[in-house]
Amino acid sequence: MVGVVDVPPVISVTVPTRGRAEHVRDCISSILACIGPAFEVIVVDQSDDRTTEQSLAALLSDTRFHYVRSGTRGVCAARNVGIAQSTGDLFVCTDDDCRASPDWLDALYRVFVARPEAAVLCGRVFVSDELSREGFAISYPADTGEVTFESMRAGSFPLTANLAFRRQTIARVGCFDEALGSGGPLRSGGEPDFLLRVARSGLRMFDVPDAQVTHLGIRKGRAEDALKHKYLFGTGAAMAKHARLGDPWGLALLSTYVRYFAGNAARNLLRTGRPRGAKEVGALLAGALSSLRFRVDSESRLYKSWLRLHW
């Protein structure tokens, strides 16, 4: 039962945060209201001050909630710290600007039980129409069924805003690459990198549309353009890393995305005289080239200079 002291958690939820005191407080409150098996929530706070810690103080009376202050930087580093601090057999990730549906964890747990072959589950990241009209917020419909190389090649990448996996999965494929992801030197790409390592290990991943979080983080104007550039830059860096390791899937994904946006740019140039899509190609290639600055460990498939021993 949820909330019963002395019941070991089945699920460990990790939430990275930095400088978003109100957002993360509401996020954690929504998670603590979830039904399902016993769980714990671990917030990894990378903030520069104590505002977030003070905002969360009232929630510390709930024994399921654990606050960890970390001197690391980057969302992937924070997730790794949270996983290292966790005790459950199932890990669930979300972001501080998301709100969990009451049956979120229960939906994920039921699929893990029903599908022992599932190494990773990918939940729905929902953005309301009203919020979409205000600006850009990334979403994921979780409607492909099984997540495969082909679905990734079609541009469908699940998000760590709603991602779940078994402890054995991490033991098999390793942690998140801390050079990637928001706040890391390569800005983004943590999800495609991790998912590609899972797929290349022969493990299976499935969508769970009933397991939903609502994403509230939006960007407008230049901030929207910067966010999209960051996502593509990191994706280029992630795929280039796998290509450098001799993985044809990494090169195939990178070339697929470059061709897609280059095609858009060519069509737009012919129609309107403006090559819209060229910036996207530039972001992918810039990320791929930037990845060459970092050495890669062939065994772990992680960038060497950013390896940390969390466990």
Protein backbone atom coordinates (compact mmCIF):
# COMPACT_ATOMS: atom_id res chain seq x y z
CA MET A 1 0.00 0.00 0.00
CA VAL A 2 1.16 3.51 -0.78
CA GLY A 3 2.46 5.54 2.12
CA VAL A 4 2.89 2.69 4.61
CA VAL A 5 6.14 3.03 6.53
CA ASP A 6 8.39 -0.08 6.62
CA VAL A 7 7.09 -1.34 3.24
CA PRO A 8 10.09 -1.44 0.86
CA PRO A 9 9.46 0.57 -2.29
CA VAL A 10 8.83 -1.35 -5.49
CA ILE A 11 9.24 1.80 -7.59
CA SER A 12 11.82 4.56 -7.26
CA VAL A 13 10.93 7.85 -8.98
CA THR A 14 13.76 10.28 -9.72
CA VAL A 15 13.14 13.98 -10.36
CA PRO A 16 16.07 16.28 -11.24
CA THR A 17 15.62 19.97 -10.56
CA ARG A 18 17.53 23.24 -10.63
CA GLY A 19 16.12 26.63 -9.74
CA ARG A 20 12.44 25.66 -10.12
CA ALA A 21 11.19 25.65 -6.56
CA GLU A 22 7.47 26.00 -7.21
CA HIS A 23 7.45 23.70 -10.23
CA VAL A 24 9.18 20.83 -8.43
CA ARG A 25 7.02 21.20 -5.30
CA ASP A 26 3.84 20.78 -7.35
CA CYS A 27 5.41 17.93 -9.31
CA ILE A 28 6.30 16.00 -6.16
CA SER A 29 2.86 16.62 -4.66
CA SER A 30 1.24 15.09 -7.76
CA ILE A 31 3.49 12.03 -7.52
CA LEU A 32 2.81 11.52 -3.81
CA ALA A 33 -0.90 11.43 -4.68
CA CYS A 34 -0.40 8.45 -7.01
CA ILE A 35 -2.02 5.10 -6.34
CA GLY A 36 -0.34 1.74 -6.84
CA PRO A 37 2.48 -0.25 -5.25
CA ALA A 38 4.83 1.14 -2.62
CA PHE A 39 7.13 3.80 -4.04
CA GLU A 40 9.70 6.42 -3.14
CA VAL A 41 10.39 9.80 -4.75
CA ILE A 42 13.94 11.13 -4.92
CA VAL A 43 14.51 14.78 -5.83
CA VAL A 44 18.06 15.58 -6.91
CA ASP A 45 18.53 19.32 -6.48
CA GLN A 46 21.32 21.02 -8.44
CA SER A 47 20.21 24.55 -7.53
CA ASP A 48 22.71 27.26 -6.65
CA ASP A 49 20.78 28.35 -3.55
CA ARG A 50 18.51 26.87 -0.87
CA THR A 51 15.20 28.13 -2.27
CA THR A 52 14.17 24.75 -3.68
CA GLU A 53 15.15 22.93 -0.49
CA GLN A 54 13.07 25.35 1.58
CA SER A 55 10.11 24.98 -0.79
CA LEU A 56 10.16 21.20 -0.36
CA ALA A 57 10.61 21.19 3.42
CA ALA A 58 6.91 20.70 4.12
CA LEU A 59 6.90 17.46 2.10
CA LEU A 60 9.71 15.84 4.08
CA SER A 61 7.22 14.52 6.65
CA ASP A 62 6.15 11.99 4.01
CA THR A 63 8.54 9.08 4.42
CA ARG A 64 8.29 8.26 0.72
CA PHE A 65 9.99 11.53 -0.19
CA HIS A 66 13.79 11.93 -0.18
CA TYR A 67 15.67 15.13 -0.90
CA VAL A 68 19.23 14.96 -2.24
CA ARG A 69 21.34 18.05 -2.80
CA SER A 70 23.97 17.50 -5.50
CA GLY A 71 26.93 19.49 -6.75
CA THR A 72 26.67 17.80 -10.15
CA ARG A 73 25.45 19.62 -13.25
CA GLY A 74 23.14 18.35 -15.95
CA VAL A 75 19.93 16.35 -15.99
CA CYS A 76 21.65 13.05 -16.86
CA ALA A 77 24.04 13.42 -13.93
CA ALA A 78 21.08 14.13 -11.64
CA ARG A 79 19.22 11.04 -12.86
CA ASN A 80 22.28 8.93 -12.19
CA VAL A 81 22.55 10.32 -8.66
CA GLY A 82 18.87 9.53 -8.07
CA ILE A 83 19.22 5.98 -9.39
CA ALA A 84 22.27 5.42 -7.18
CA GLN A 85 20.26 6.59 -4.13
CA SER A 86 17.21 4.45 -4.97
CA THR A 87 16.13 1.13 -3.49
CA GLY A 88 13.29 -0.03 -5.76
CA ASP A 89 13.53 -2.67 -8.47
CA LEU A 90 11.78 -0.39 -10.96
CA PHE A 91 13.02 3.09 -11.84
CA VAL A 92 10.75 5.84 -13.15
CA CYS A 93 11.94 9.21 -14.48
CA THR A 94 10.07 12.46 -14.86
CA ASP A 95 10.86 16.18 -14.94
CA ASP A 96 10.06 18.93 -12.48
CA ASP A 97 7.76 20.71 -14.96
CA CYS A 98 5.52 17.64 -15.28
CA ARG A 99 2.46 16.61 -13.27
CA ALA A 100 1.64 12.95 -12.73
CA SER A 101 -1.80 11.46 -13.27
CA PRO A 102 -3.11 9.62 -10.18
CA ASP A 103 -2.78 6.19 -11.83
CA TRP A 104 0.59 6.95 -13.49
CA LEU A 105 2.74 4.59 -11.43
CA ASP A 106 0.06 1.93 -11.19
CA ALA A 107 -0.26 1.82 -15.00
CA LEU A 108 3.49 1.36 -15.42
CA TYR A 109 3.67 -1.28 -12.69
CA ARG A 110 0.84 -3.33 -14.16
CA VAL A 111 2.54 -3.48 -17.56
CA PHE A 112 5.88 -4.47 -16.02
CA VAL A 113 4.10 -7.34 -14.25
CA ALA A 114 2.17 -8.41 -17.35
CA ARG A 115 5.20 -8.14 -19.66
CA PRO A 116 8.29 -9.65 -18.04
CA GLU A 117 10.11 -9.16 -21.35
CA ALA A 118 9.76 -5.37 -21.06
CA ALA A 119 13.08 -3.76 -20.14
CA VAL A 120 11.86 -0.18 -20.68
CA LEU A 121 8.39 1.37 -20.67
CA CYS A 122 7.66 4.70 -22.31
CA GLY A 123 4.71 6.67 -20.99
CA ARG A 124 2.68 9.43 -22.57
CA VAL A 125 3.85 13.03 -22.19
CA PHE A 126 0.76 15.15 -22.72
CA VAL A 127 0.61 18.84 -23.64
CA SER A 128 -2.81 20.49 -23.67
CA ASP A 129 -4.06 22.31 -26.76
CA GLU A 130 -4.38 25.48 -24.70
CA LEU A 131 -0.74 25.34 -23.66
CA SER A 132 0.39 24.47 -27.18
CA ARG A 133 -1.23 27.65 -28.45
CA GLU A 134 0.91 29.68 -26.06
CA GLY A 135 4.24 28.27 -27.23
CA PHE A 136 6.26 25.10 -27.75
CA ALA A 137 6.33 22.19 -25.32
CA ILE A 138 7.61 18.79 -26.32
CA SER A 139 5.22 15.84 -26.03
CA TYR A 140 5.21 12.10 -26.70
CA PRO A 141 1.99 10.23 -27.60
CA ALA A 142 3.25 6.73 -26.68
CA ASP A 143 1.34 5.21 -29.58
CA THR A 144 3.89 3.12 -31.48
CA GLY A 145 3.29 -0.07 -29.48
CA GLU A 146 6.85 -1.39 -29.33
CA VAL A 147 9.72 1.07 -29.53
CA THR A 148 12.24 -0.20 -32.08
CA PHE A 149 15.04 1.03 -34.30
CA GLU A 150 12.50 1.57 -37.06
CA SER A 151 10.21 3.68 -34.87
CA MET A 152 13.22 5.75 -33.81
CA ARG A 153 14.23 6.10 -37.45
CA ALA A 154 10.75 7.51 -38.08
CA GLY A 155 11.51 10.21 -35.52
CA SER A 156 9.62 8.75 -32.56
CA PHE A 157 11.78 9.10 -29.45
CA PRO A 158 10.26 8.58 -25.98
CA LEU A 159 11.14 11.16 -23.34
CA THR A 160 12.78 10.85 -19.94
CA ALA A 161 9.89 13.02 -18.76
CA ASN A 162 8.06 9.68 -18.59
CA LEU A 163 10.40 6.71 -18.82
CA ALA A 164 10.54 3.56 -16.68
CA PHE A 165 12.99 0.66 -16.59
CA ARG A 166 14.07 -2.27 -14.49
CA ARG A 167 17.15 -2.31 -12.28
CA GLN A 168 18.49 -5.10 -14.51
CA THR A 169 18.24 -2.78 -17.51
CA ILE A 170 20.68 -0.31 -15.98
CA ALA A 171 22.97 -3.19 -15.00
CA ARG A 172 22.93 -4.33 -18.64
CA VAL A 173 23.26 -1.08 -20.59
CA GLY A 174 24.74 1.35 -18.05
CA CYS A 175 23.70 4.72 -16.72
CA PHE A 176 22.78 7.92 -18.55
CA ASP A 177 25.63 9.63 -20.39
CA GLU A 178 26.41 12.78 -18.42
CA ALA A 179 27.97 14.60 -21.38
CA LEU A 180 24.50 14.55 -22.94
CA GLY A 181 21.21 15.91 -21.67
CA SER A 182 20.19 19.42 -20.63
CA GLY A 183 22.92 21.10 -18.62
CA GLY A 184 25.63 18.83 -20.04
CA PRO A 185 28.29 20.02 -22.51
CA LEU A 186 26.42 18.47 -25.44
CA ARG A 187 23.13 20.10 -24.35
CA SER A 188 20.65 17.27 -25.07
CA GLY A 189 20.43 13.77 -26.53
CA GLY A 190 20.22 11.77 -23.31
CA GLU A 191 17.05 9.96 -24.38
CA PRO A 192 18.08 8.82 -27.89
CA ASP A 193 21.47 7.72 -26.60
CA PHE A 194 20.02 5.63 -23.77
CA LEU A 195 17.27 4.14 -25.94
CA LEU A 196 19.70 3.19 -28.68
CA ARG A 197 21.93 1.42 -26.15
CA VAL A 198 18.89 -0.48 -24.89
CA ALA A 199 17.85 -1.48 -28.41
CA ARG A 200 21.38 -2.53 -29.35
CA SER A 201 21.51 -4.76 -26.26
CA GLY A 202 18.59 -6.77 -27.60
CA LEU A 203 16.21 -5.57 -24.88
CA ARG A 204 12.60 -4.68 -25.61
CA MET A 205 10.78 -1.38 -25.05
CA PHE A 206 7.05 -0.71 -25.09
CA ASP A 207 4.78 2.32 -25.06
CA VAL A 208 2.22 2.71 -22.27
CA PRO A 209 -0.24 5.45 -23.30
CA ASP A 210 -2.30 4.97 -20.11
CA ALA A 211 0.67 6.08 -18.00
CA GLN A 212 0.45 9.83 -18.47
CA VAL A 213 2.19 12.91 -17.20
CA THR A 214 1.24 16.43 -18.25
CA HIS A 215 4.09 18.63 -19.41
CA LEU A 216 3.79 22.30 -18.47
CA GLY A 217 7.16 23.64 -19.61
CA ILE A 218 6.72 25.85 -22.67
CA ARG A 219 9.07 28.06 -24.68
CA LYS A 220 8.15 31.07 -26.80
CA GLY A 221 9.91 33.01 -29.54
CA ARG A 222 13.68 32.85 -29.34
CA ALA A 223 13.51 30.49 -26.36
CA GLU A 224 11.50 28.06 -28.50
CA ASP A 225 14.08 28.24 -31.30
CA ALA A 226 16.91 27.73 -28.80
CA LEU A 227 15.20 24.68 -27.30
CA LYS A 228 14.65 23.03 -30.67
CA HIS A 229 18.26 23.75 -31.63
CA LYS A 230 19.42 22.20 -28.37
CA TYR A 231 17.39 19.01 -28.94
CA LEU A 232 18.76 18.56 -32.46
CA PHE A 233 22.32 19.44 -31.43
CA GLY A 234 22.22 16.79 -28.70
CA THR A 235 20.62 14.21 -30.97
CA GLY A 236 23.39 14.77 -33.52
CA ALA A 237 26.01 14.32 -30.79
CA ALA A 238 24.35 11.16 -29.46
CA MET A 239 24.06 9.51 -32.86
CA ALA A 240 27.60 10.52 -33.84
CA LYS A 241 28.92 8.83 -30.71
CA HIS A 242 27.37 5.52 -31.76
CA ALA A 243 28.61 5.96 -35.32
CA ARG A 244 32.14 6.51 -33.97
CA LEU A 245 31.83 3.21 -32.11
CA GLY A 246 31.14 1.44 -35.40
CA ASP A 247 27.40 1.12 -34.87
CA PRO A 248 25.59 1.42 -38.23
CA TRP A 249 22.35 2.29 -36.42
CA GLY A 250 23.85 5.53 -35.12
CA LEU A 251 24.99 6.60 -38.59
CA ALA A 252 21.65 5.51 -40.11
CA LEU A 253 19.65 7.59 -37.62
CA LEU A 254 21.84 10.65 -38.07
CA SER A 255 21.72 10.47 -41.86
CA THR A 256 17.94 9.92 -41.81
CA TYR A 257 17.36 13.10 -39.79
CA VAL A 258 19.80 15.13 -41.86
CA ARG A 259 18.11 14.02 -45.08
CA TYR A 260 14.66 14.78 -43.65
CA PHE A 261 15.47 18.36 -42.68
CA ALA A 262 17.59 18.96 -45.78
CA GLY A 263 14.62 17.83 -47.90
CA ASN A 264 12.36 20.25 -46.03
CA ALA A 265 14.85 23.05 -46.62
CA ALA A 266 15.04 22.32 -50.36
CA ARG A 267 11.25 22.19 -50.74
CA ASN A 268 10.77 25.38 -48.78
CA LEU A 269 13.44 27.14 -50.83
CA LEU A 270 11.64 26.22 -54.06
CA ARG A 271 8.20 27.23 -52.71
CA THR A 272 8.99 30.35 -50.72
CA GLY A 273 12.57 31.31 -51.49
CA ARG A 274 13.50 30.62 -47.86
CA PRO A 275 15.31 27.38 -46.92
CA ARG A 276 13.39 26.69 -43.70
CA GLY A 277 14.88 23.52 -42.27
CA ALA A 278 18.50 24.45 -42.98
CA LYS A 279 19.02 25.53 -39.35
CA GLU A 280 17.89 22.08 -38.21
CA VAL A 281 20.46 20.43 -40.48
CA GLY A 282 23.08 22.77 -39.09
CA ALA A 283 22.17 21.90 -35.50
CA LEU A 284 22.43 18.15 -36.14
CA LEU A 285 25.79 18.47 -37.87
CA ALA A 286 27.12 20.89 -35.25
CA GLY A 287 26.25 18.39 -32.52
CA ALA A 288 27.89 15.56 -34.44
CA LEU A 289 31.07 17.59 -34.93
CA SER A 290 31.12 18.72 -31.30
CA SER A 291 31.03 15.12 -30.15
CA LEU A 292 34.49 14.66 -31.67
CA ARG A 293 35.91 16.76 -28.81
CA PHE A 294 35.15 13.93 -26.38
CA ARG A 295 36.68 10.50 -26.19
CA VAL A 296 34.29 7.55 -25.95
CA ASP A 297 34.73 4.47 -23.79
CA SER A 298 34.01 1.54 -26.11
CA GLU A 299 32.96 -0.80 -23.30
CA SER A 300 30.46 1.44 -21.52
CA ARG A 301 29.60 3.43 -24.68
CA LEU A 302 29.78 6.60 -22.58
CA TYR A 303 31.93 9.69 -23.05
CA LYS A 304 35.11 9.00 -21.09
CA SER A 305 35.74 12.38 -19.50
CA TRP A 306 32.21 12.39 -18.04
CA LEU A 307 32.18 8.94 -16.49
CA ARG A 308 31.27 9.01 -12.80
CA LEU A 309 31.19 6.24 -10.26
CA HIS A 310 27.82 6.67 -8.58
CA TRP A 311 27.63 3.03 -7.50
